Protein backbone atom coordinates (compact mmCIF):
# COMPACT_ATOMS: atom_id res chain seq x y z
CA UNK A 1 -41.72 -30.37 -45.76
CA UNK A 2 -45.06 -29.32 -47.65
CA UNK A 3 -45.05 -32.61 -49.56
CA UNK A 4 -47.01 -34.64 -47.06
CA UNK A 5 -50.35 -36.44 -47.81
CA UNK A 6 -53.09 -34.28 -46.86
CA UNK A 7 -56.37 -36.39 -48.19
CA UNK A 8 -58.08 -39.68 -47.99
CA UNK A 9 -59.73 -41.52 -51.12
CA UNK A 10 -62.52 -43.68 -50.72
CA UNK A 11 -63.33 -46.73 -53.08
CA UNK A 12 -65.79 -44.85 -55.99
CA UNK A 13 -68.75 -46.05 -57.55
CA UNK A 14 -68.89 -47.53 -60.53
CA UNK A 15 -70.51 -44.63 -62.85
CA UNK A 16 -67.56 -43.69 -64.93
CA UNK A 17 -66.94 -44.78 -68.46
CA UNK A 18 -63.80 -44.09 -70.72
CA UNK A 19 -63.42 -42.29 -74.19
CA UNK A 20 -63.27 -38.91 -75.42
CA UNK A 21 -66.48 -36.97 -76.84
CA UNK A 22 -64.76 -33.83 -78.54
CA UNK A 23 -61.94 -31.75 -78.55
CA UNK A 24 -60.94 -28.15 -79.05
CA UNK A 25 -57.75 -26.79 -80.47
CA UNK A 26 -56.69 -23.09 -79.48
CA UNK A 27 -53.65 -21.35 -81.04
CA UNK A 28 -50.71 -20.99 -78.32
CA UNK A 29 -50.06 -17.36 -79.77
CA UNK A 30 -53.67 -16.34 -79.24
CA UNK A 31 -53.46 -13.28 -76.92
CA UNK A 32 -56.91 -14.02 -75.27
CA UNK A 33 -55.67 -16.49 -72.87
CA UNK A 34 -55.68 -15.51 -69.46
CA UNK A 35 -57.05 -18.38 -67.41
CA UNK A 36 -58.54 -17.69 -63.64
CA UNK A 37 -58.44 -20.55 -61.21
CA UNK A 38 -61.57 -21.43 -58.83
CA UNK A 39 -60.77 -19.33 -55.71
CA UNK A 40 -62.13 -22.59 -53.76
CA UNK A 41 -60.11 -25.23 -55.54
CA UNK A 42 -56.79 -23.59 -57.42
CA UNK A 43 -56.68 -26.92 -59.52
CA UNK A 44 -59.58 -25.96 -61.39
CA UNK A 45 -60.00 -23.05 -63.75
CA UNK A 46 -63.19 -20.82 -63.87
CA UNK A 47 -62.47 -18.79 -67.01
CA UNK A 48 -59.49 -19.32 -69.48
CA UNK A 49 -60.47 -15.80 -71.96
CA UNK A 50 -59.57 -12.43 -70.83
CA UNK A 51 -63.06 -10.78 -70.67
CA UNK A 52 -66.30 -11.36 -69.39
CA UNK A 53 -67.57 -12.16 -72.87
CA UNK A 54 -66.36 -14.93 -75.26
CA UNK A 55 -62.83 -13.80 -76.65
CA UNK A 56 -61.12 -17.08 -77.46
CA UNK A 57 -61.62 -18.91 -80.14
CA UNK A 58 -61.40 -22.57 -80.59
CA UNK A 59 -61.86 -25.25 -82.94
CA UNK A 60 -64.13 -28.22 -82.29
CA UNK A 61 -63.13 -31.54 -83.53
CA UNK A 62 -65.81 -34.44 -83.21
CA UNK A 63 -64.38 -37.78 -82.14
CA UNK A 64 -65.10 -41.23 -83.03
CA UNK A 65 -64.31 -43.21 -80.06
CA UNK A 66 -61.10 -45.00 -81.12
CA UNK A 67 -59.32 -41.95 -79.29
CA UNK A 68 -57.79 -40.92 -75.74
CA UNK A 69 -56.17 -38.99 -73.35
CA UNK A 70 -53.39 -40.07 -70.76
CA UNK A 71 -51.03 -38.37 -68.52
CA UNK A 72 -47.95 -40.02 -67.18
CA UNK A 73 -46.12 -39.11 -64.25
CA UNK A 74 -42.53 -38.40 -64.66
CA UNK A 75 -40.20 -38.18 -61.77
CA UNK A 76 -36.53 -38.47 -60.76
CA UNK A 77 -35.31 -39.11 -57.22
CA UNK A 78 -32.02 -38.03 -58.46
CA UNK A 79 -32.65 -34.89 -59.85
CA UNK A 80 -35.60 -33.81 -57.37
CA UNK A 81 -37.64 -33.12 -60.23
CA UNK A 82 -41.20 -34.10 -61.13
CA UNK A 83 -43.72 -33.31 -64.38
CA UNK A 84 -46.93 -34.43 -66.05
CA UNK A 85 -46.40 -35.58 -69.37
CA UNK A 86 -49.94 -35.36 -71.19
CA UNK A 87 -50.44 -37.92 -74.49
CA UNK A 88 -53.79 -37.26 -76.44
CA UNK A 89 -54.44 -39.53 -79.48
CA UNK A 90 -56.90 -39.04 -81.80
CA UNK A 91 -58.16 -40.54 -84.95
CA UNK A 92 -60.20 -38.79 -87.42
CA UNK A 93 -62.20 -40.72 -90.20
CA UNK A 94 -62.32 -39.61 -94.22
CA UNK A 95 -59.34 -37.53 -96.15
CA UNK A 96 -60.02 -34.52 -97.40
CA UNK A 97 -58.56 -31.78 -99.03
CA UNK A 98 -59.63 -29.14 -96.17
CA UNK A 99 -58.55 -31.91 -93.43
CA UNK A 100 -55.23 -31.98 -95.14
CA UNK A 101 -54.29 -28.29 -95.39
CA UNK A 102 -55.63 -27.89 -91.29
CA UNK A 103 -53.84 -30.78 -89.73
CA UNK A 104 -50.52 -29.91 -91.69
CA UNK A 105 -51.11 -26.17 -89.83
CA UNK A 106 -52.14 -28.04 -86.56
CA UNK A 107 -48.86 -29.95 -86.40
CA UNK A 108 -46.42 -27.25 -87.22
CA UNK A 109 -47.75 -25.09 -84.69
CA UNK A 110 -48.28 -26.07 -80.49
CA UNK A 111 -52.05 -25.49 -79.58
CA UNK A 112 -53.15 -25.72 -76.49
CA UNK A 113 -55.89 -28.21 -76.18
CA UNK A 114 -59.32 -28.64 -74.11
CA UNK A 115 -60.27 -32.29 -74.13
CA UNK A 116 -63.87 -33.48 -73.50
CA UNK A 117 -64.26 -37.00 -72.32
CA UNK A 118 -67.41 -39.30 -71.93
CA UNK A 119 -68.11 -38.14 -68.15
CA UNK A 120 -68.64 -34.38 -69.11
CA UNK A 121 -65.11 -33.79 -68.03
CA UNK A 122 -63.31 -31.01 -69.53
CA UNK A 123 -59.55 -30.60 -69.35
CA UNK A 124 -57.16 -27.93 -70.40
CA UNK A 125 -53.82 -29.83 -72.22
CA UNK A 126 -50.83 -27.63 -72.44
CA UNK A 127 -51.58 -24.99 -70.54
CA UNK A 128 -48.21 -23.31 -70.12
CA UNK A 129 -46.20 -25.12 -72.60
CA UNK A 130 -48.89 -26.15 -75.25
CA UNK A 131 -48.58 -29.45 -77.19
CA UNK A 132 -46.47 -30.53 -79.83
CA UNK A 133 -47.44 -33.15 -82.78
CA UNK A 134 -45.64 -36.04 -81.54
CA UNK A 135 -46.32 -38.55 -84.17
CA UNK A 136 -49.12 -39.26 -86.82
CA UNK A 137 -50.05 -41.09 -89.92
CA UNK A 138 -52.38 -40.22 -92.90
CA UNK A 139 -53.72 -43.34 -94.69
CA UNK A 140 -56.25 -44.44 -97.04
CA UNK A 141 -56.31 -48.03 -95.43
CA UNK A 142 -55.87 -51.48 -97.18
CA UNK A 143 -59.08 -53.33 -96.70
CA UNK A 144 -62.70 -51.89 -97.32
CA UNK A 145 -63.14 -51.59 -93.64
CA UNK A 146 -59.99 -50.17 -92.86
CA UNK A 147 -59.50 -46.65 -91.59
CA UNK A 148 -59.33 -43.78 -94.54
CA UNK A 149 -58.20 -41.02 -92.37
CA UNK A 150 -55.62 -39.61 -90.00
CA UNK A 151 -54.72 -40.44 -86.88
CA UNK A 152 -52.27 -38.02 -84.83
CA UNK A 153 -50.51 -37.91 -80.95
CA UNK A 154 -49.91 -34.81 -79.28
CA UNK A 155 -47.97 -34.63 -76.15
CA UNK A 156 -47.45 -31.88 -73.74
CA UNK A 157 -45.06 -31.30 -70.54
CA UNK A 158 -46.37 -29.23 -67.84
CA UNK A 159 -45.56 -28.86 -64.12
CA UNK A 160 -49.00 -29.56 -63.13
CA UNK A 161 -51.68 -32.04 -64.70
CA UNK A 162 -53.75 -30.80 -66.98
CA UNK A 163 -56.35 -28.44 -65.26
CA UNK A 164 -59.83 -29.48 -65.17
CA UNK A 165 -62.25 -26.43 -65.95
CA UNK A 166 -65.72 -25.80 -64.56
CA UNK A 167 -67.29 -26.43 -67.49
CA UNK A 168 -69.28 -29.17 -68.01
CA UNK A 169 -70.87 -28.28 -71.36
CA UNK A 170 -70.24 -26.37 -74.37
CA UNK A 171 -72.24 -23.71 -73.00
CA UNK A 172 -69.79 -23.48 -70.01
CA UNK A 173 -67.07 -23.10 -72.45
CA UNK A 174 -68.63 -20.09 -73.76
CA UNK A 175 -69.15 -18.37 -70.50
CA UNK A 176 -65.88 -19.38 -69.58
CA UNK A 177 -64.46 -17.09 -72.11
CA UNK A 178 -64.39 -19.14 -75.25
CA UNK A 179 -65.53 -18.92 -79.09
CA UNK A 180 -66.75 -22.47 -80.52
CA UNK A 181 -65.92 -22.73 -84.09
CA UNK A 182 -67.45 -25.93 -85.02
CA UNK A 183 -68.39 -27.56 -88.77
């Protein structure tokens, strides 16, 4: 049986923090997608564009701290199945006409999403199946200190957990084949 444990894990250091820094949306139908896995670690994506020069458009969204990414393992002993459900919850402050239009486009599609956490890790969510908007709100808030903005939840269902990217900076995303479109 190939489903046997193969490694141990020691107690980790207290050098990690929670939270997300940025997310990057890519259209699921973008023809430039051609991921190449690291030859020594096949769970890590070395490049995601299909050429030596940047060719995959991604759209950067800067986050303010009330956002998170979580992956659930969904297994069924009876059916002999397991998959990973990714849930990306983001909050974007301030309502604008431009954001209204862009959010309407995002929630109708099924983008692939690169998540950058506060530890300089980049994950690719929805590599095979893309992500779907699950729920969201557009709110003006009630009191002066309330959120006036957008709360969105995107979900993915994949056979494997979200892949790490070799990138640890935006320059690394460019090396991986991305063109970063930022505000």
